[in-house]
Amino acid sequence: MLRIHDDMLDVIRSMRGALGAIDKRDADLARQLRRAASSVVLNLAEGSGSFGRVRTVRYRTALGSARETLACLQTAEAFGYVEPVSGAITGRMNRIIGTLVRIAA
């Protein structure tokens, strides 16, 4: 299993409070954030158990979902639903995205 799998689980844990705040103001955005974040973890797990093209497809899906997760957080911030996304979360998400860019090529 890739180390970024655990990193993404840590990101999900750390955004619980923000997710609750988003959910109170915009349930659709909160659902989208949950789906995107879950998709990253699930596709990383599935990809790590796959081979060849299937593995690449799963990692590309995880990449898109990771970008979507970050975009959901940034959108919530822009709407004023949450405080600015912490540098720690942004840094971890950028590391996850960077790793996926490399392995999904």
C-alpha atoms as a PDB file:
ATOM      1  CA  MET A   1       0.000   0.000   0.000  1.00  0.00           C
ATOM      2  CA  LEU A   2       1.286   3.457  -0.841  1.00  0.00           C
ATOM      3  CA  ARG A   3       2.182   5.732   2.061  1.00  0.00           C
ATOM      4  CA  ILE A   4      -0.129   8.409   0.643  1.00  0.00           C
ATOM      5  CA  HIS A   5      -3.059   6.112   1.480  1.00  0.00           C
ATOM      6  CA  ASP A   6      -2.429   6.702   5.187  1.00  0.00           C
ATOM      7  CA  ASP A   7      -1.681  10.371   4.509  1.00  0.00           C
ATOM      8  CA  MET A   8      -5.109  10.763   2.931  1.00  0.00           C
ATOM      9  CA  LEU A   9      -6.787   9.066   5.890  1.00  0.00           C
ATOM     10  CA  ASP A  10      -4.991  11.564   8.143  1.00  0.00           C
ATOM     11  CA  VAL A  11      -6.255  14.442   5.986  1.00  0.00           C
ATOM     12  CA  ILE A  12      -9.805  13.116   6.326  1.00  0.00           C
ATOM     13  CA  ARG A  13      -9.422  12.908  10.099  1.00  0.00           C
ATOM     14  CA  SER A  14      -8.058  16.431  10.280  1.00  0.00           C
ATOM     15  CA  MET A  15     -10.882  17.931   8.220  1.00  0.00           C
ATOM     16  CA  ARG A  16     -13.737  16.531  10.350  1.00  0.00           C
ATOM     17  CA  GLY A  17     -14.379  19.893  11.991  1.00  0.00           C
ATOM     18  CA  ALA A  18     -14.321  21.747   8.685  1.00  0.00           C
ATOM     19  CA  LEU A  19     -16.611  19.155   7.143  1.00  0.00           C
ATOM     20  CA  GLY A  20     -19.145  19.663   9.927  1.00  0.00           C
ATOM     21  CA  ALA A  21     -19.023  23.432   9.433  1.00  0.00           C
ATOM     22  CA  ILE A  22     -19.441  23.067   5.671  1.00  0.00           C
ATOM     23  CA  ASP A  23     -22.347  20.665   6.143  1.00  0.00           C
ATOM     24  CA  LYS A  24     -24.242  23.246   8.231  1.00  0.00           C
ATOM     25  CA  ARG A  25     -23.958  25.851   5.456  1.00  0.00           C
ATOM     26  CA  ASP A  26     -23.905  23.769   2.262  1.00  0.00           C
ATOM     27  CA  ALA A  27     -24.903  20.114   2.513  1.00  0.00           C
ATOM     28  CA  ASP A  28     -24.260  19.524  -1.203  1.00  0.00           C
ATOM     29  CA  LEU A  29     -20.680  20.749  -0.965  1.00  0.00           C
ATOM     30  CA  ALA A  30     -20.130  18.634   2.153  1.00  0.00           C
ATOM     31  CA  ARG A  31     -21.421  15.538   0.335  1.00  0.00           C
ATOM     32  CA  GLN A  32     -19.175  16.296  -2.625  1.00  0.00           C
ATOM     33  CA  LEU A  33     -16.188  16.669  -0.297  1.00  0.00           C
ATOM     34  CA  ARG A  34     -16.981  13.367   1.426  1.00  0.00           C
ATOM     35  CA  ARG A  35     -17.332  11.544  -1.897  1.00  0.00           C
ATOM     36  CA  ALA A  36     -14.114  13.017  -3.305  1.00  0.00           C
ATOM     37  CA  ALA A  37     -12.037  12.304  -0.197  1.00  0.00           C
ATOM     38  CA  SER A  38     -13.435   8.777   0.060  1.00  0.00           C
ATOM     39  CA  SER A  39     -12.705   8.194  -3.603  1.00  0.00           C
ATOM     40  CA  VAL A  40      -9.031   9.009  -3.098  1.00  0.00           C
ATOM     41  CA  VAL A  41      -8.627   6.432  -0.339  1.00  0.00           C
ATOM     42  CA  LEU A  42     -10.695   3.753  -2.050  1.00  0.00           C
ATOM     43  CA  ASN A  43      -9.026   4.130  -5.445  1.00  0.00           C
ATOM     44  CA  LEU A  44      -5.567   4.082  -3.858  1.00  0.00           C
ATOM     45  CA  ALA A  45      -6.472   0.823  -2.140  1.00  0.00           C
ATOM     46  CA  GLU A  46      -7.922  -0.681  -5.286  1.00  0.00           C
ATOM     47  CA  GLY A  47      -5.013   0.485  -7.428  1.00  0.00           C
ATOM     48  CA  SER A  48      -2.430  -0.966  -5.089  1.00  0.00           C
ATOM     49  CA  GLY A  49      -4.044  -4.368  -5.574  1.00  0.00           C
ATOM     50  CA  SER A  50      -4.209  -4.064  -9.364  1.00  0.00           C
ATOM     51  CA  PHE A  51      -1.728  -4.363 -12.195  1.00  0.00           C
ATOM     52  CA  GLY A  52      -1.040  -2.698 -15.523  1.00  0.00           C
ATOM     53  CA  ARG A  53      -3.647  -0.418 -17.032  1.00  0.00           C
ATOM     54  CA  VAL A  54      -6.195  -1.035 -14.290  1.00  0.00           C
ATOM     55  CA  ARG A  55      -3.709   0.218 -11.694  1.00  0.00           C
ATOM     56  CA  THR A  56      -3.010   3.337 -13.744  1.00  0.00           C
ATOM     57  CA  VAL A  57      -6.725   4.044 -14.178  1.00  0.00           C
ATOM     58  CA  ARG A  58      -7.364   3.732 -10.423  1.00  0.00           C
ATOM     59  CA  TYR A  59      -4.467   6.061  -9.622  1.00  0.00           C
ATOM     60  CA  ARG A  60      -5.691   8.587 -12.193  1.00  0.00           C
ATOM     61  CA  THR A  61      -9.139   8.480 -10.619  1.00  0.00           C
ATOM     62  CA  ALA A  62      -7.555   8.994  -7.200  1.00  0.00           C
ATOM     63  CA  LEU A  63      -5.631  11.963  -8.633  1.00  0.00           C
ATOM     64  CA  GLY A  64      -8.799  13.609  -9.926  1.00  0.00           C
ATOM     65  CA  SER A  65     -10.531  13.022  -6.609  1.00  0.00           C
ATOM     66  CA  ALA A  66      -7.579  14.432  -4.668  1.00  0.00           C
ATOM     67  CA  ARG A  67      -7.725  17.598  -6.743  1.00  0.00           C
ATOM     68  CA  GLU A  68     -11.475  17.726  -6.210  1.00  0.00           C
ATOM     69  CA  THR A  69     -11.040  17.318  -2.437  1.00  0.00           C
ATOM     70  CA  LEU A  70      -8.686  20.266  -2.307  1.00  0.00           C
ATOM     71  CA  ALA A  71     -10.982  22.312  -4.552  1.00  0.00           C
ATOM     72  CA  CYS A  72     -13.961  21.586  -2.261  1.00  0.00           C
ATOM     73  CA  LEU A  73     -12.002  22.841   0.736  1.00  0.00           C
ATOM     74  CA  GLN A  74     -10.884  25.948  -1.157  1.00  0.00           C
ATOM     75  CA  THR A  75     -14.448  26.603  -2.331  1.00  0.00           C
ATOM     76  CA  ALA A  76     -15.779  26.331   1.218  1.00  0.00           C
ATOM     77  CA  GLU A  77     -13.109  28.783   2.312  1.00  0.00           C
ATOM     78  CA  ALA A  78     -13.985  31.185  -0.522  1.00  0.00           C
ATOM     79  CA  PHE A  79     -17.662  31.121   0.497  1.00  0.00           C
ATOM     80  CA  GLY A  80     -16.667  31.822   4.088  1.00  0.00           C
ATOM     81  CA  TYR A  81     -17.971  28.516   5.435  1.00  0.00           C
ATOM     82  CA  VAL A  82     -14.618  27.682   7.048  1.00  0.00           C
ATOM     83  CA  GLU A  83     -11.406  29.395   8.046  1.00  0.00           C
ATOM     84  CA  PRO A  84      -8.540  29.205   5.552  1.00  0.00           C
ATOM     85  CA  VAL A  85      -7.374  25.667   4.927  1.00  0.00           C
ATOM     86  CA  SER A  86      -4.322  24.995   7.073  1.00  0.00           C
ATOM     87  CA  GLY A  87      -0.915  24.836   5.496  1.00  0.00           C
ATOM     88  CA  ALA A  88      -0.546  21.321   6.898  1.00  0.00           C
ATOM     89  CA  ILE A  89      -3.628  20.061   5.031  1.00  0.00           C
ATOM     90  CA  THR A  90      -2.701  21.911   1.849  1.00  0.00           C
ATOM     91  CA  GLY A  91       0.844  20.563   2.055  1.00  0.00           C
ATOM     92  CA  ARG A  92      -0.319  16.987   2.549  1.00  0.00           C
ATOM     93  CA  MET A  93      -2.832  17.251  -0.281  1.00  0.00           C
ATOM     94  CA  ASN A  94      -0.164  18.674  -2.590  1.00  0.00           C
ATOM     95  CA  ARG A  95       2.152  15.794  -1.652  1.00  0.00           C
ATOM     96  CA  ILE A  96      -0.611  13.282  -2.372  1.00  0.00           C
ATOM     97  CA  ILE A  97      -1.397  14.978  -5.679  1.00  0.00           C
ATOM     98  CA  GLY A  98       2.286  15.165  -6.626  1.00  0.00           C
ATOM     99  CA  THR A  99       2.826  11.485  -5.901  1.00  0.00           C
ATOM    100  CA  LEU A 100      -0.233  10.556  -7.935  1.00  0.00           C
ATOM    101  CA  VAL A 101       0.901  12.714 -10.861  1.00  0.00           C
ATOM    102  CA  ARG A 102       4.151  10.744 -10.907  1.00  0.00           C
ATOM    103  CA  ILE A 103       2.679   7.262 -10.579  1.00  0.00           C
ATOM    104  CA  ALA A 104      -0.406   7.780 -12.754  1.00  0.00           C
ATOM    105  CA  ALA A 105       1.571   8.954 -15.783  1.00  0.00           C
END
